[in-house]
């Protein structure tokens, strides 16, 4: 009986070994290639439009001048006239070029905007205050010439910019309340200038198609202190012409749409 059991076990073991030997080896298959990651490339020329709002802080100071009238002793006018904010809308366009190295993006850009930033304040210089004079200013054009550096996360770009800024200013002083022989709104003096300064800014831009992108941008313009010649209106005596020092800065927030020419997306593995 024992011999029969041992013999049966040997036979069963032999059968299993033969079956295992008859099984074919599993074929080797190469792993599939990693899928390509499509990365946006910001390199290329672009052209766009922008629009938004801006505000400018302006402070006036009359530079000393003397008025000599026949019926009055000579008297000197000088001192601060006060400050006001000139606010309003702006719109324009920009053109530039960018090139990308790894995730870093560099660029140059020129921007030109129409503007309508206006504001006023009553003069606090004693002579002008007694005559109900109001200082009024307006910025009607803004230009920026900047370099950019940014960092891209595929189709999103965060950048900073800096360079030169230029604005076109117009000034006048008018009578805000009627006086004997002088109607309300009568202009007293006028002046204008084209002023250069500096600008720094920051923006975020998202490419929603291969060529089109949308951005939000904030810029601060350092326009400094400048002397403006205020020329008396012919209605008044010529001796009332004088120089005024005007300090100003400009802040601007714009939404931008850009179209980038060429520059296919890049496949990375």
Protein backbone atom coordinates (compact mmCIF):
# COMPACT_ATOMS: atom_id res chain seq x y z
CA UNK A 1 0.00 0.00 0.00
CA UNK A 2 2.78 2.37 0.97
CA UNK A 3 4.66 1.50 -2.20
CA UNK A 4 1.56 2.32 -4.30
CA UNK A 5 1.17 5.77 -2.67
CA UNK A 6 4.84 6.64 -3.27
CA UNK A 7 4.56 5.58 -6.89
CA UNK A 8 1.42 7.69 -7.39
CA UNK A 9 3.13 10.77 -5.93
CA UNK A 10 6.14 10.36 -8.21
CA UNK A 11 3.87 10.10 -11.25
CA UNK A 12 1.89 13.22 -10.26
CA UNK A 13 5.07 15.23 -9.69
CA UNK A 14 6.40 14.22 -13.08
CA UNK A 15 3.19 15.25 -14.76
CA UNK A 16 3.29 18.76 -13.17
CA UNK A 17 6.92 19.25 -14.16
CA UNK A 18 6.18 18.31 -17.77
CA UNK A 19 3.21 20.70 -17.90
CA UNK A 20 5.31 23.58 -16.58
CA UNK A 21 8.01 22.88 -19.16
CA UNK A 22 5.44 22.88 -21.95
CA UNK A 23 4.18 26.40 -21.03
CA UNK A 24 5.57 29.12 -23.34
CA UNK A 25 7.60 31.96 -21.79
CA UNK A 26 5.77 35.28 -21.48
CA UNK A 27 6.80 37.59 -24.32
CA UNK A 28 8.72 40.84 -23.43
CA UNK A 29 6.90 44.03 -24.37
CA UNK A 30 8.48 47.51 -24.42
CA UNK A 31 6.85 50.13 -22.17
CA UNK A 32 4.79 52.71 -24.10
CA UNK A 33 6.49 56.09 -24.61
CA UNK A 34 5.63 58.88 -22.16
CA UNK A 35 2.97 61.22 -23.55
CA UNK A 36 4.22 64.54 -24.91
CA UNK A 37 3.59 67.60 -22.74
CA UNK A 38 2.60 70.56 -24.91
CA UNK A 39 4.23 73.78 -23.58
CA UNK A 40 3.29 77.29 -24.67
CA UNK A 41 6.11 79.40 -26.10
CA UNK A 42 5.85 83.17 -25.48
CA UNK A 43 8.49 84.08 -28.06
CA UNK A 44 7.55 86.39 -30.93
CA UNK A 45 6.21 89.78 -31.90
CA UNK A 46 2.84 90.86 -30.51
CA UNK A 47 0.36 93.67 -31.04
CA UNK A 48 -2.55 94.61 -28.81
CA UNK A 49 -5.02 97.10 -27.36
CA UNK A 50 -5.69 98.17 -23.78
CA UNK A 51 -8.16 100.16 -21.74
CA UNK A 52 -8.79 101.07 -18.13
CA UNK A 53 -8.51 103.88 -15.62
CA UNK A 54 -5.81 106.12 -14.18
CA UNK A 55 -5.33 108.76 -11.53
CA UNK A 56 -2.68 111.43 -11.00
CA UNK A 57 -1.78 113.40 -7.86
CA UNK A 58 -0.77 116.99 -8.66
CA UNK A 59 0.53 119.65 -6.28
CA UNK A 60 1.09 123.26 -7.40
CA UNK A 61 3.50 125.83 -5.96
CA UNK A 62 3.70 129.39 -7.29
CA UNK A 63 7.28 130.49 -7.84
CA UNK A 64 7.88 133.98 -6.50
CA UNK A 65 6.89 136.83 -8.83
CA UNK A 66 6.14 140.52 -8.28
CA UNK A 67 3.14 142.50 -9.47
CA UNK A 68 3.71 146.22 -9.93
CA UNK A 69 0.58 148.23 -10.58
CA UNK A 70 0.36 152.03 -10.81
CA UNK A 71 -2.41 152.32 -8.27
CA UNK A 72 -0.94 149.81 -5.77
CA UNK A 73 2.47 149.31 -4.15
CA UNK A 74 4.45 146.34 -5.58
CA UNK A 75 3.60 143.02 -3.95
CA UNK A 76 5.06 139.52 -4.26
CA UNK A 77 3.09 136.32 -4.83
CA UNK A 78 4.56 132.93 -3.84
CA UNK A 79 3.77 129.70 -2.02
CA UNK A 80 1.88 126.40 -2.27
CA UNK A 81 -1.48 126.41 -4.04
CA UNK A 82 -2.68 123.00 -2.86
CA UNK A 83 -3.13 119.58 -4.48
CA UNK A 84 -5.77 117.68 -6.39
CA UNK A 85 -6.32 114.30 -8.06
CA UNK A 86 -6.81 114.13 -11.81
CA UNK A 87 -8.75 110.95 -12.63
CA UNK A 88 -10.37 109.40 -15.67
CA UNK A 89 -10.24 106.80 -18.41
CA UNK A 90 -7.43 105.74 -20.71
CA UNK A 91 -7.23 103.55 -23.82
CA UNK A 92 -4.59 102.75 -26.41
CA UNK A 93 -2.35 100.12 -27.91
CA UNK A 94 0.97 98.35 -27.45
CA UNK A 95 3.53 96.57 -29.60
CA UNK A 96 6.43 94.45 -28.43
CA UNK A 97 8.67 91.44 -28.77
CA UNK A 98 9.35 88.59 -26.32
CA UNK A 99 11.78 85.70 -26.26
CA UNK A 100 11.66 82.74 -23.91
CA UNK A 101 14.60 80.82 -22.34
CA UNK A 102 13.39 77.82 -20.31
CA UNK A 103 10.63 79.29 -18.12
CA UNK A 104 12.06 82.85 -18.21
CA UNK A 105 10.56 85.39 -20.62
CA UNK A 106 12.22 88.66 -21.65
CA UNK A 107 10.72 91.45 -23.71
CA UNK A 108 10.59 95.04 -24.87
CA UNK A 109 7.43 97.08 -25.46
CA UNK A 110 6.16 100.48 -26.59
CA UNK A 111 2.71 101.67 -25.50
CA UNK A 112 0.71 104.76 -26.44
CA UNK A 113 -2.56 105.79 -24.77
CA UNK A 114 -5.18 108.47 -25.13
CA UNK A 115 -6.24 109.74 -21.69
CA UNK A 116 -8.78 112.02 -20.07
CA UNK A 117 -7.48 112.56 -16.54
CA UNK A 118 -8.81 115.81 -15.09
CA UNK A 119 -9.17 117.45 -11.70
CA UNK A 120 -9.03 120.77 -9.85
CA UNK A 121 -8.65 122.52 -6.50
CA UNK A 122 -9.21 126.03 -5.18
CA UNK A 123 -5.92 127.89 -4.86
CA UNK A 124 -4.84 128.63 -1.28
CA UNK A 125 -2.34 131.38 -2.17
CA UNK A 126 -3.87 134.49 -0.49
CA UNK A 127 -4.11 136.65 -3.62
CA UNK A 128 -5.52 133.83 -5.75
CA UNK A 129 -7.83 132.58 -3.01
CA UNK A 130 -9.27 136.07 -2.56
CA UNK A 131 -9.93 136.22 -6.30
CA UNK A 132 -11.73 132.83 -6.32
CA UNK A 133 -9.13 131.17 -8.52
CA UNK A 134 -9.23 127.40 -9.17
CA UNK A 135 -6.31 125.38 -10.52
CA UNK A 136 -7.26 122.78 -13.11
CA UNK A 137 -5.14 120.14 -14.85
CA UNK A 138 -5.61 117.49 -17.49
CA UNK A 139 -3.50 114.63 -18.91
CA UNK A 140 -4.56 113.77 -22.46
CA UNK A 141 -1.81 111.34 -23.58
CA UNK A 142 0.50 108.75 -21.97
CA UNK A 143 3.42 106.86 -23.49
CA UNK A 144 5.52 104.00 -22.04
CA UNK A 145 8.79 102.51 -23.34
CA UNK A 146 9.75 99.51 -21.22
CA UNK A 147 11.71 96.31 -20.82
CA UNK A 148 10.12 93.20 -19.30
CA UNK A 149 11.20 90.11 -17.40
CA UNK A 150 8.78 87.36 -16.47
CA UNK A 151 8.33 83.74 -15.48
CA UNK A 152 5.97 81.43 -17.36
CA UNK A 153 3.94 78.49 -16.15
CA UNK A 154 3.06 77.13 -19.57
CA UNK A 155 0.30 79.48 -20.84
CA UNK A 156 0.34 81.80 -17.80
CA UNK A 157 2.95 84.56 -17.55
CA UNK A 158 3.75 86.77 -14.57
CA UNK A 159 6.02 89.73 -15.40
CA UNK A 160 7.49 92.99 -14.15
CA UNK A 161 8.44 95.94 -16.34
CA UNK A 162 10.30 99.22 -16.13
CA UNK A 163 11.55 102.06 -18.30
CA UNK A 164 10.62 105.55 -19.48
CA UNK A 165 7.26 107.31 -19.39
CA UNK A 166 5.96 110.48 -21.02
CA UNK A 167 2.72 112.40 -20.46
CA UNK A 168 1.14 115.46 -22.08
CA UNK A 169 -0.21 117.93 -19.51
CA UNK A 170 -2.48 120.94 -19.84
CA UNK A 171 -3.08 123.45 -17.03
CA UNK A 172 -5.24 126.49 -16.44
CA UNK A 173 -6.46 128.69 -13.62
CA UNK A 174 -10.00 130.04 -13.83
CA UNK A 175 -12.41 132.10 -11.75
CA UNK A 176 -14.91 129.72 -10.16
CA UNK A 177 -17.22 132.44 -8.79
CA UNK A 178 -18.33 135.55 -10.63
CA UNK A 179 -16.89 138.88 -9.52
CA UNK A 180 -17.60 142.44 -10.65
CA UNK A 181 -16.61 142.53 -14.29
CA UNK A 182 -15.32 138.92 -14.27
CA UNK A 183 -17.74 136.10 -15.20
CA UNK A 184 -17.56 132.68 -13.54
CA UNK A 185 -15.39 130.31 -15.54
CA UNK A 186 -13.18 133.06 -16.96
CA UNK A 187 -9.70 131.63 -17.61
CA UNK A 188 -6.91 133.49 -15.83
CA UNK A 189 -3.74 131.71 -16.97
CA UNK A 190 -2.85 128.73 -19.20
CA UNK A 191 0.12 126.38 -19.50
CA UNK A 192 1.11 123.07 -21.08
CA UNK A 193 4.05 120.69 -21.20
CA UNK A 194 5.30 117.29 -22.33
CA UNK A 195 6.90 115.66 -19.29
CA UNK A 196 9.28 112.67 -19.16
CA UNK A 197 9.73 110.38 -16.19
CA UNK A 198 10.07 106.73 -15.21
CA UNK A 199 7.67 103.80 -14.85
CA UNK A 200 7.54 100.45 -13.06
CA UNK A 201 4.76 97.92 -13.43
CA UNK A 202 3.57 94.37 -12.89
CA UNK A 203 1.18 92.20 -14.86
CA UNK A 204 -0.28 88.76 -15.33
CA UNK A 205 -1.10 87.36 -18.77
CA UNK A 206 -2.95 84.21 -19.87
CA UNK A 207 -2.80 82.75 -23.39
CA UNK A 208 -6.25 81.33 -24.10
CA UNK A 209 -5.39 80.27 -27.66
CA UNK A 210 -2.17 79.73 -29.61
CA UNK A 211 -1.98 83.42 -30.57
CA UNK A 212 -4.40 85.36 -28.33
CA UNK A 213 -3.77 86.35 -24.72
CA UNK A 214 -5.44 88.48 -22.04
CA UNK A 215 -3.59 90.48 -19.36
CA UNK A 216 -4.18 92.74 -16.38
CA UNK A 217 -1.47 95.31 -15.64
CA UNK A 218 -0.69 97.99 -13.04
CA UNK A 219 1.83 100.79 -13.69
CA UNK A 220 3.17 103.59 -11.52
CA UNK A 221 4.67 106.60 -13.31
CA UNK A 222 7.22 108.75 -11.48
CA UNK A 223 6.82 112.14 -13.17
CA UNK A 224 8.66 114.29 -10.63
CA UNK A 225 8.60 118.07 -10.23
CA UNK A 226 8.68 120.46 -13.17
CA UNK A 227 8.33 124.20 -13.78
CA UNK A 228 5.40 125.24 -15.97
CA UNK A 229 5.01 128.69 -17.50
CA UNK A 230 1.49 129.98 -16.81
CA UNK A 231 0.68 132.70 -19.34
CA UNK A 232 -1.99 135.24 -18.46
CA UNK A 233 -5.10 135.32 -20.59
CA UNK A 234 -5.41 138.62 -22.57
CA UNK A 235 -8.44 139.39 -20.43
CA UNK A 236 -5.99 140.00 -17.54
CA UNK A 237 -2.82 142.06 -17.29
CA UNK A 238 0.38 140.51 -18.65
CA UNK A 239 2.12 140.92 -15.29
CA UNK A 240 0.01 138.08 -13.95
CA UNK A 241 2.01 135.57 -16.05
CA UNK A 242 4.22 133.48 -13.77
CA UNK A 243 5.99 130.14 -13.24
CA UNK A 244 4.40 127.34 -11.23
CA UNK A 245 6.11 124.20 -9.98
CA UNK A 246 3.93 121.11 -10.44
CA UNK A 247 4.69 117.75 -8.81
CA UNK A 248 2.87 114.70 -10.11
CA UNK A 249 2.74 110.93 -10.23
CA UNK A 250 0.39 108.72 -12.25
CA UNK A 251 -1.10 105.31 -11.44
CA UNK A 252 -2.72 103.27 -14.20
CA UNK A 253 -4.63 99.96 -14.29
CA UNK A 254 -5.44 98.44 -17.68
CA UNK A 255 -6.88 95.30 -19.22
CA UNK A 256 -5.01 94.18 -22.35
CA UNK A 257 -5.66 91.90 -25.32
CA UNK A 258 -2.59 90.81 -27.33
CA UNK A 259 -2.16 88.93 -30.59
CA UNK A 260 1.16 87.11 -30.94
CA UNK A 261 2.45 86.40 -34.46
CA UNK A 262 3.71 82.88 -35.25
CA UNK A 263 5.49 80.87 -32.59
CA UNK A 264 4.04 77.31 -32.48
CA UNK A 265 3.62 75.48 -29.20
CA UNK A 266 6.58 73.24 -28.25
CA UNK A 267 6.25 69.52 -27.42
CA UNK A 268 8.35 68.40 -24.46
CA UNK A 269 8.87 64.78 -23.37
